[in-house]
C-alpha atoms as a PDB file:
ATOM      1  CA  MET A   1      -0.150   0.244  -0.140  1.00  0.00           C
ATOM      2  CA  MET A   2       2.920   2.441   0.694  1.00  0.00           C
ATOM      3  CA  LEU A   3       4.200   2.126  -2.769  1.00  0.00           C
ATOM      4  CA  GLN A   4       0.773   2.755  -4.029  1.00  0.00           C
ATOM      5  CA  GLN A   5       0.528   5.754  -2.072  1.00  0.00           C
ATOM      6  CA  ILE A   6       4.052   6.931  -3.200  1.00  0.00           C
ATOM      7  CA  HIS A   7       3.154   6.182  -6.856  1.00  0.00           C
ATOM      8  CA  THR A   8       0.068   8.282  -6.668  1.00  0.00           C
ATOM      9  CA  LEU A   9       2.026  10.995  -5.050  1.00  0.00           C
ATOM     10  CA  ALA A  10       4.734  11.263  -7.803  1.00  0.00           C
ATOM     11  CA  LEU A  11       2.041  10.988 -10.844  1.00  0.00           C
ATOM     12  CA  ILE A  12       0.540  14.132  -8.946  1.00  0.00           C
ATOM     13  CA  GLY A  13       3.463  15.867  -7.976  1.00  0.00           C
ATOM     14  CA  SER A  14       4.956  15.221 -11.910  1.00  0.00           C
ATOM     15  CA  PHE A  15       2.079  16.964 -13.625  1.00  0.00           C
ATOM     16  CA  PRO A  16       3.097  20.496 -12.508  1.00  0.00           C
ATOM     17  CA  ALA A  17       6.828  19.793 -13.662  1.00  0.00           C
ATOM     18  CA  PHE A  18       5.215  18.588 -17.481  1.00  0.00           C
ATOM     19  CA  LEU A  19       2.557  21.808 -17.344  1.00  0.00           C
ATOM     20  CA  HIS A  20       5.301  24.487 -16.918  1.00  0.00           C
ATOM     21  CA  SER A  21       7.899  22.696 -19.228  1.00  0.00           C
ATOM     22  CA  THR A  22       8.041  24.657 -22.374  1.00  0.00           C
ATOM     23  CA  PRO A  23      10.374  22.632 -24.056  1.00  0.00           C
ATOM     24  CA  LEU A  24       8.568  19.312 -23.973  1.00  0.00           C
ATOM     25  CA  LEU A  25       5.214  21.131 -25.631  1.00  0.00           C
ATOM     26  CA  LEU A  26       7.343  22.575 -27.912  1.00  0.00           C
ATOM     27  CA  SER A  27       8.808  19.140 -29.121  1.00  0.00           C
ATOM     28  CA  PHE A  28       4.874  18.286 -29.616  1.00  0.00           C
ATOM     29  CA  ASN A  29       5.146  21.178 -32.294  1.00  0.00           C
ATOM     30  CA  PHE A  30       2.938  23.565 -30.109  1.00  0.00           C
ATOM     31  CA  PRO A  31       3.648  27.472 -30.879  1.00  0.00           C
ATOM     32  CA  ALA A  32       5.934  29.325 -28.130  1.00  0.00           C
ATOM     33  CA  ALA A  33       2.976  31.214 -27.057  1.00  0.00           C
ATOM     34  CA  VAL A  34       1.014  28.170 -26.337  1.00  0.00           C
ATOM     35  CA  ALA A  35       4.132  26.361 -24.991  1.00  0.00           C
ATOM     36  CA  VAL A  36       4.965  29.139 -22.247  1.00  0.00           C
ATOM     37  CA  HIS A  37       1.132  29.304 -21.458  1.00  0.00           C
ATOM     38  CA  PRO A  38      -0.548  25.989 -22.069  1.00  0.00           C
ATOM     39  CA  PRO A  39      -3.932  25.522 -21.364  1.00  0.00           C
ATOM     40  CA  VAL A  40      -3.934  22.705 -18.534  1.00  0.00           C
ATOM     41  CA  ILE A  41      -6.363  20.451 -20.641  1.00  0.00           C
ATOM     42  CA  ILE A  42      -3.893  20.244 -23.361  1.00  0.00           C
ATOM     43  CA  ALA A  43      -1.301  19.520 -20.895  1.00  0.00           C
ATOM     44  CA  PHE A  44      -3.241  17.481 -19.146  1.00  0.00           C
ATOM     45  CA  THR A  45      -3.382  15.473 -22.128  1.00  0.00           C
ATOM     46  CA  LEU A  46      -0.108  15.096 -23.398  1.00  0.00           C
ATOM     47  CA  TYR A  47       0.667  14.184 -19.054  1.00  0.00           C
ATOM     48  CA  GLN A  48      -1.708  11.382 -20.041  1.00  0.00           C
ATOM     49  CA  SER A  49      -0.173  10.283 -23.493  1.00  0.00           C
ATOM     50  CA  VAL A  50       3.869  10.517 -21.891  1.00  0.00           C
ATOM     51  CA  ILE A  51       2.800   8.837 -18.535  1.00  0.00           C
ATOM     52  CA  THR A  52       0.951   5.822 -19.697  1.00  0.00           C
ATOM     53  CA  PRO A  53       3.871   3.528 -20.899  1.00  0.00           C
ATOM     54  CA  VAL A  54       5.109   4.471 -17.698  1.00  0.00           C
ATOM     55  CA  GLU A  55       1.862   3.851 -16.070  1.00  0.00           C
ATOM     56  CA  THR A  56       1.777   0.279 -17.963  1.00  0.00           C
ATOM     57  CA  ILE A  57       5.131  -1.117 -16.571  1.00  0.00           C
ATOM     58  CA  PHE A  58       4.368  -0.217 -13.142  1.00  0.00           C
ATOM     59  CA  VAL A  59       1.009  -1.485 -12.639  1.00  0.00           C
ATOM     60  CA  ALA A  60       2.261  -4.837 -14.458  1.00  0.00           C
ATOM     61  CA  SER A  61       5.274  -4.890 -11.537  1.00  0.00           C
ATOM     62  CA  MET A  62       3.086  -4.428  -8.906  1.00  0.00           C
ATOM     63  CA  ASN A  63       0.559  -6.804 -10.403  1.00  0.00           C
ATOM     64  CA  ALA A  64       3.567  -9.570 -10.269  1.00  0.00           C
ATOM     65  CA  VAL A  65       4.729  -8.365  -6.703  1.00  0.00           C
ATOM     66  CA  SER A  66       1.046  -8.658  -5.829  1.00  0.00           C
ATOM     67  CA  ARG A  67       0.506 -12.021  -7.241  1.00  0.00           C
ATOM     68  CA  ARG A  68       4.030 -13.369  -5.288  1.00  0.00           C
ATOM     69  CA  PHE A  69       2.580 -12.364  -2.218  1.00  0.00           C
ATOM     70  CA  GLU A  70      -0.353 -14.175  -3.034  1.00  0.00           C
ATOM     71  CA  PHE A  71       1.597 -17.320  -3.462  1.00  0.00           C
ATOM     72  CA  GLN A  72       3.585 -16.804  -0.278  1.00  0.00           C
ATOM     73  CA  ALA A  73       0.108 -16.905   1.778  1.00  0.00           C
ATOM     74  CA  ASP A  74      -0.919 -20.202  -0.178  1.00  0.00           C
ATOM     75  CA  GLN A  75       2.051 -21.434   0.533  1.00  0.00           C
ATOM     76  CA  PHE A  76       1.835 -20.858   3.776  1.00  0.00           C
ATOM     77  CA  ALA A  77      -1.804 -21.910   4.202  1.00  0.00           C
ATOM     78  CA  CYS A  78      -1.173 -25.059   2.916  1.00  0.00           C
ATOM     79  CA  GLN A  79       1.999 -25.666   5.140  1.00  0.00           C
ATOM     80  CA  LEU A  80      -0.062 -25.111   8.279  1.00  0.00           C
ATOM     81  CA  ASN A  81      -2.744 -27.456   7.183  1.00  0.00           C
ATOM     82  CA  SER A  82      -0.080 -29.929   6.415  1.00  0.00           C
ATOM     83  CA  LYS A  83       1.783 -29.136   9.703  1.00  0.00           C
ATOM     84  CA  TYR A  84      -1.621 -29.392  12.101  1.00  0.00           C
ATOM     85  CA  GLY A  85      -4.249 -30.447   9.584  1.00  0.00           C
ATOM     86  CA  VAL A  86      -8.096 -29.126   9.518  1.00  0.00           C
ATOM     87  CA  PRO A  87     -10.448 -31.545  11.325  1.00  0.00           C
ATOM     88  CA  ASN A  88     -13.128 -32.840   8.888  1.00  0.00           C
ATOM     89  CA  SER A  89     -11.494 -31.035   5.984  1.00  0.00           C
ATOM     90  CA  GLU A  90     -13.345 -33.072   3.191  1.00  0.00           C
ATOM     91  CA  GLY A  91     -16.605 -31.529   3.211  1.00  0.00           C
ATOM     92  CA  MET A  92     -15.328 -27.931   3.475  1.00  0.00           C
ATOM     93  CA  GLY A  93     -16.676 -27.017  -0.147  1.00  0.00           C
ATOM     94  CA  LYS A  94     -20.023 -28.000   0.774  1.00  0.00           C
ATOM     95  CA  ARG A  95     -19.700 -26.106   4.126  1.00  0.00           C
ATOM     96  CA  LEU A  96     -18.410 -22.701   2.369  1.00  0.00           C
ATOM     97  CA  GLY A  97     -21.615 -22.962  -0.487  1.00  0.00           C
ATOM     98  CA  GLU A  98     -23.872 -23.035   2.703  1.00  0.00           C
ATOM     99  CA  ALA A  99     -21.951 -20.441   4.290  1.00  0.00           C
ATOM    100  CA  LEU A 100     -22.072 -18.244   1.355  1.00  0.00           C
ATOM    101  CA  ILE A 101     -26.103 -19.111   1.120  1.00  0.00           C
ATOM    102  CA  SER A 102     -26.323 -18.203   4.635  1.00  0.00           C
ATOM    103  CA  ILE A 103     -24.990 -14.842   3.907  1.00  0.00           C
ATOM    104  CA  MET A 104     -26.783 -14.107   1.157  1.00  0.00           C
ATOM    105  CA  VAL A 105     -30.226 -14.710   2.983  1.00  0.00           C
ATOM    106  CA  ASP A 106     -29.294 -12.791   6.068  1.00  0.00           C
ATOM    107  CA  ASN A 107     -27.930  -9.803   4.141  1.00  0.00           C
ATOM    108  CA  LEU A 108     -31.052 -10.023   1.160  1.00  0.00           C
ATOM    109  CA  ALA A 109     -28.227  -9.857  -0.891  1.00  0.00           C
ATOM    110  CA  THR A 110     -28.094 -11.765  -4.483  1.00  0.00           C
ATOM    111  CA  LEU A 111     -24.894 -13.930  -5.420  1.00  0.00           C
ATOM    112  CA  TRP A 112     -25.605 -13.408  -9.180  1.00  0.00           C
ATOM    113  CA  THR A 113     -24.819  -9.332 -10.287  1.00  0.00           C
ATOM    114  CA  ASP A 114     -25.463  -7.721 -13.626  1.00  0.00           C
ATOM    115  CA  SER A 115     -21.637  -7.790 -14.902  1.00  0.00           C
ATOM    116  CA  TRP A 116     -21.727  -8.326 -18.544  1.00  0.00           C
END
């Protein structure tokens, strides 16, 4: 979570530097008068275009880190299960289904959503 917060602050903090970067805006062939004082919407659109490839790499790496942590947690759970064992674990799927139905009934919610 800390990395996500730092990432968000870096994104927000880097936009003003991009907004006031006349040489960068001139490299996109904007007239000098516009490049010196660009409209915010133009600068923001260019900022998104420039930052998108960096974001793609960052998001892919954060997903890899998250997946690694999830695999470690699964491995730890399997080790605990093999070390201590879970009594009566053969009916776990049925018990999970009954628990989900119970939660659905108690909360008056549905397990099926309109996600098409």
